[in-house]
Amino acid sequence: MPESLIIGVTIFVLSMFAGFEVITKVPPTLHTPLMSGANAISGIAIIGALLVTGGENTILNTILGVIAIIFATINVVGGFLVTDRMLNMFKKKEK
């Protein structure tokens, strides 16, 4: 196995554990505002996934890049929908 793949997988696994710990410690009242910030991070993840997918033309890079693009896009779209719904709750209702 190439050393760069082992390093990449190690960083991925450690970031999964760190992300899980951070998300589980957030109280429900702060979850929606933090979702807006997560949209920006997921946008950066989409750019990184596009770079990985378009880089070396190995099948593993392409598959992992496409999976990352799909998951980050779902996260961005879902985050915007939740944020939009939250903001609509605070608008004044017209009679």
C-alpha atoms as a PDB file:
ATOM      1  CA  MET A   1       0.000   0.000   0.000  1.00  0.00           C
ATOM      2  CA  PRO A   2       1.292   3.455  -0.777  1.00  0.00           C
ATOM      3  CA  GLU A   3       2.255   5.528   2.232  1.00  0.00           C
ATOM      4  CA  SER A   4       0.064   8.442   1.105  1.00  0.00           C
ATOM      5  CA  LEU A   5      -3.028   6.188   1.128  1.00  0.00           C
ATOM      6  CA  ILE A   6      -2.302   5.031   4.676  1.00  0.00           C
ATOM      7  CA  ILE A   7      -1.827   8.630   5.818  1.00  0.00           C
ATOM      8  CA  GLY A   8      -5.033   9.694   4.064  1.00  0.00           C
ATOM      9  CA  VAL A   9      -7.080   6.884   5.617  1.00  0.00           C
ATOM     10  CA  THR A  10      -5.625   7.650   9.055  1.00  0.00           C
ATOM     11  CA  ILE A  11      -6.571  11.326   8.767  1.00  0.00           C
ATOM     12  CA  PHE A  12     -10.043  10.367   7.550  1.00  0.00           C
ATOM     13  CA  VAL A  13     -10.669   7.998  10.479  1.00  0.00           C
ATOM     14  CA  LEU A  14      -9.359  10.494  13.044  1.00  0.00           C
ATOM     15  CA  SER A  15     -11.509  13.271  11.553  1.00  0.00           C
ATOM     16  CA  MET A  16     -14.570  10.994  11.756  1.00  0.00           C
ATOM     17  CA  PHE A  17     -13.971  10.439  15.481  1.00  0.00           C
ATOM     18  CA  ALA A  18     -13.325  14.131  16.112  1.00  0.00           C
ATOM     19  CA  GLY A  19     -16.427  15.158  14.145  1.00  0.00           C
ATOM     20  CA  PHE A  20     -18.600  12.657  15.993  1.00  0.00           C
ATOM     21  CA  GLU A  21     -17.381  13.923  19.361  1.00  0.00           C
ATOM     22  CA  VAL A  22     -17.965  17.560  18.411  1.00  0.00           C
ATOM     23  CA  ILE A  23     -21.459  16.975  17.019  1.00  0.00           C
ATOM     24  CA  THR A  24     -22.662  14.875  19.956  1.00  0.00           C
ATOM     25  CA  LYS A  25     -21.643  17.601  22.419  1.00  0.00           C
ATOM     26  CA  VAL A  26     -23.676  20.348  20.695  1.00  0.00           C
ATOM     27  CA  PRO A  27     -26.968  21.161  22.462  1.00  0.00           C
ATOM     28  CA  PRO A  28     -30.088  21.004  20.252  1.00  0.00           C
ATOM     29  CA  THR A  29     -30.635  24.783  20.462  1.00  0.00           C
ATOM     30  CA  LEU A  30     -27.311  25.433  18.747  1.00  0.00           C
ATOM     31  CA  HIS A  31     -27.590  22.737  16.104  1.00  0.00           C
ATOM     32  CA  THR A  32     -29.350  24.782  13.403  1.00  0.00           C
ATOM     33  CA  PRO A  33     -27.054  27.836  13.585  1.00  0.00           C
ATOM     34  CA  LEU A  34     -24.041  25.562  13.412  1.00  0.00           C
ATOM     35  CA  MET A  35     -25.560  23.909  10.343  1.00  0.00           C
ATOM     36  CA  SER A  36     -25.081  27.176   8.473  1.00  0.00           C
ATOM     37  CA  GLY A  37     -21.383  27.135   9.278  1.00  0.00           C
ATOM     38  CA  ALA A  38     -21.165  23.500   8.262  1.00  0.00           C
ATOM     39  CA  ASN A  39     -22.452  24.456   4.814  1.00  0.00           C
ATOM     40  CA  ALA A  40     -19.306  26.480   4.198  1.00  0.00           C
ATOM     41  CA  ILE A  41     -17.112  23.604   5.369  1.00  0.00           C
ATOM     42  CA  SER A  42     -19.008  21.174   3.127  1.00  0.00           C
ATOM     43  CA  GLY A  43     -18.507  23.564   0.213  1.00  0.00           C
ATOM     44  CA  ILE A  44     -14.768  23.351   0.822  1.00  0.00           C
ATOM     45  CA  ALA A  45     -15.082  19.559   1.017  1.00  0.00           C
ATOM     46  CA  ILE A  46     -16.768  19.556  -2.402  1.00  0.00           C
ATOM     47  CA  ILE A  47     -13.863  21.492  -3.882  1.00  0.00           C
ATOM     48  CA  GLY A  48     -11.372  19.083  -2.295  1.00  0.00           C
ATOM     49  CA  ALA A  49     -13.329  16.095  -3.577  1.00  0.00           C
ATOM     50  CA  LEU A  50     -13.376  17.562  -7.076  1.00  0.00           C
ATOM     51  CA  LEU A  51      -9.604  17.961  -6.930  1.00  0.00           C
ATOM     52  CA  VAL A  52      -9.171  14.372  -5.752  1.00  0.00           C
ATOM     53  CA  THR A  53     -11.516  13.045  -8.417  1.00  0.00           C
ATOM     54  CA  GLY A  54      -9.822  14.991 -11.196  1.00  0.00           C
ATOM     55  CA  GLY A  55      -6.280  14.281 -10.018  1.00  0.00           C
ATOM     56  CA  GLU A  56      -4.678  10.910 -10.556  1.00  0.00           C
ATOM     57  CA  ASN A  57      -6.779   8.651 -12.693  1.00  0.00           C
ATOM     58  CA  THR A  58      -6.824   5.629 -10.406  1.00  0.00           C
ATOM     59  CA  ILE A  59     -10.131   3.905  -9.850  1.00  0.00           C
ATOM     60  CA  LEU A  60      -9.870   4.234  -6.050  1.00  0.00           C
ATOM     61  CA  ASN A  61      -9.368   8.020  -6.243  1.00  0.00           C
ATOM     62  CA  THR A  62     -12.267   8.397  -8.643  1.00  0.00           C
ATOM     63  CA  ILE A  63     -14.652   6.282  -6.558  1.00  0.00           C
ATOM     64  CA  LEU A  64     -13.744   7.962  -3.266  1.00  0.00           C
ATOM     65  CA  GLY A  65     -13.928  11.391  -4.892  1.00  0.00           C
ATOM     66  CA  VAL A  66     -17.389  10.762  -6.319  1.00  0.00           C
ATOM     67  CA  ILE A  67     -18.631   9.424  -2.970  1.00  0.00           C
ATOM     68  CA  ALA A  68     -17.220  12.503  -1.211  1.00  0.00           C
ATOM     69  CA  ILE A  69     -18.884  14.814  -3.739  1.00  0.00           C
ATOM     70  CA  ILE A  70     -22.243  13.090  -3.266  1.00  0.00           C
ATOM     71  CA  PHE A  71     -22.142  13.194   0.549  1.00  0.00           C
ATOM     72  CA  ALA A  72     -20.902  16.779   0.737  1.00  0.00           C
ATOM     73  CA  THR A  73     -23.552  17.912  -1.746  1.00  0.00           C
ATOM     74  CA  ILE A  74     -26.288  16.205   0.283  1.00  0.00           C
ATOM     75  CA  ASN A  75     -24.959  17.950   3.386  1.00  0.00           C
ATOM     76  CA  VAL A  76     -24.901  21.371   1.724  1.00  0.00           C
ATOM     77  CA  VAL A  77     -28.395  21.078   0.256  1.00  0.00           C
ATOM     78  CA  GLY A  78     -29.861  19.695   3.489  1.00  0.00           C
ATOM     79  CA  GLY A  79     -28.167  22.390   5.528  1.00  0.00           C
ATOM     80  CA  PHE A  80     -29.540  25.158   3.346  1.00  0.00           C
ATOM     81  CA  LEU A  81     -33.042  23.666   3.506  1.00  0.00           C
ATOM     82  CA  VAL A  82     -32.933  23.437   7.308  1.00  0.00           C
ATOM     83  CA  THR A  83     -31.519  26.963   7.619  1.00  0.00           C
ATOM     84  CA  ASP A  84     -34.154  28.358   5.254  1.00  0.00           C
ATOM     85  CA  ARG A  85     -36.916  26.647   7.206  1.00  0.00           C
ATOM     86  CA  MET A  86     -35.525  28.034  10.470  1.00  0.00           C
ATOM     87  CA  LEU A  87     -35.344  31.566   9.081  1.00  0.00           C
ATOM     88  CA  ASN A  88     -38.921  31.320   7.794  1.00  0.00           C
ATOM     89  CA  MET A  89     -40.065  30.562  11.337  1.00  0.00           C
ATOM     90  CA  PHE A  90     -38.840  33.990  12.471  1.00  0.00           C
ATOM     91  CA  LYS A  91     -40.535  36.005   9.715  1.00  0.00           C
ATOM     92  CA  LYS A  92     -43.588  38.016  10.666  1.00  0.00           C
ATOM     93  CA  LYS A  93     -46.790  36.498   9.400  1.00  0.00           C
ATOM     94  CA  GLU A  94     -48.857  38.860   7.287  1.00  0.00           C
ATOM     95  CA  LYS A  95     -52.635  38.887   7.689  1.00  0.00           C
END
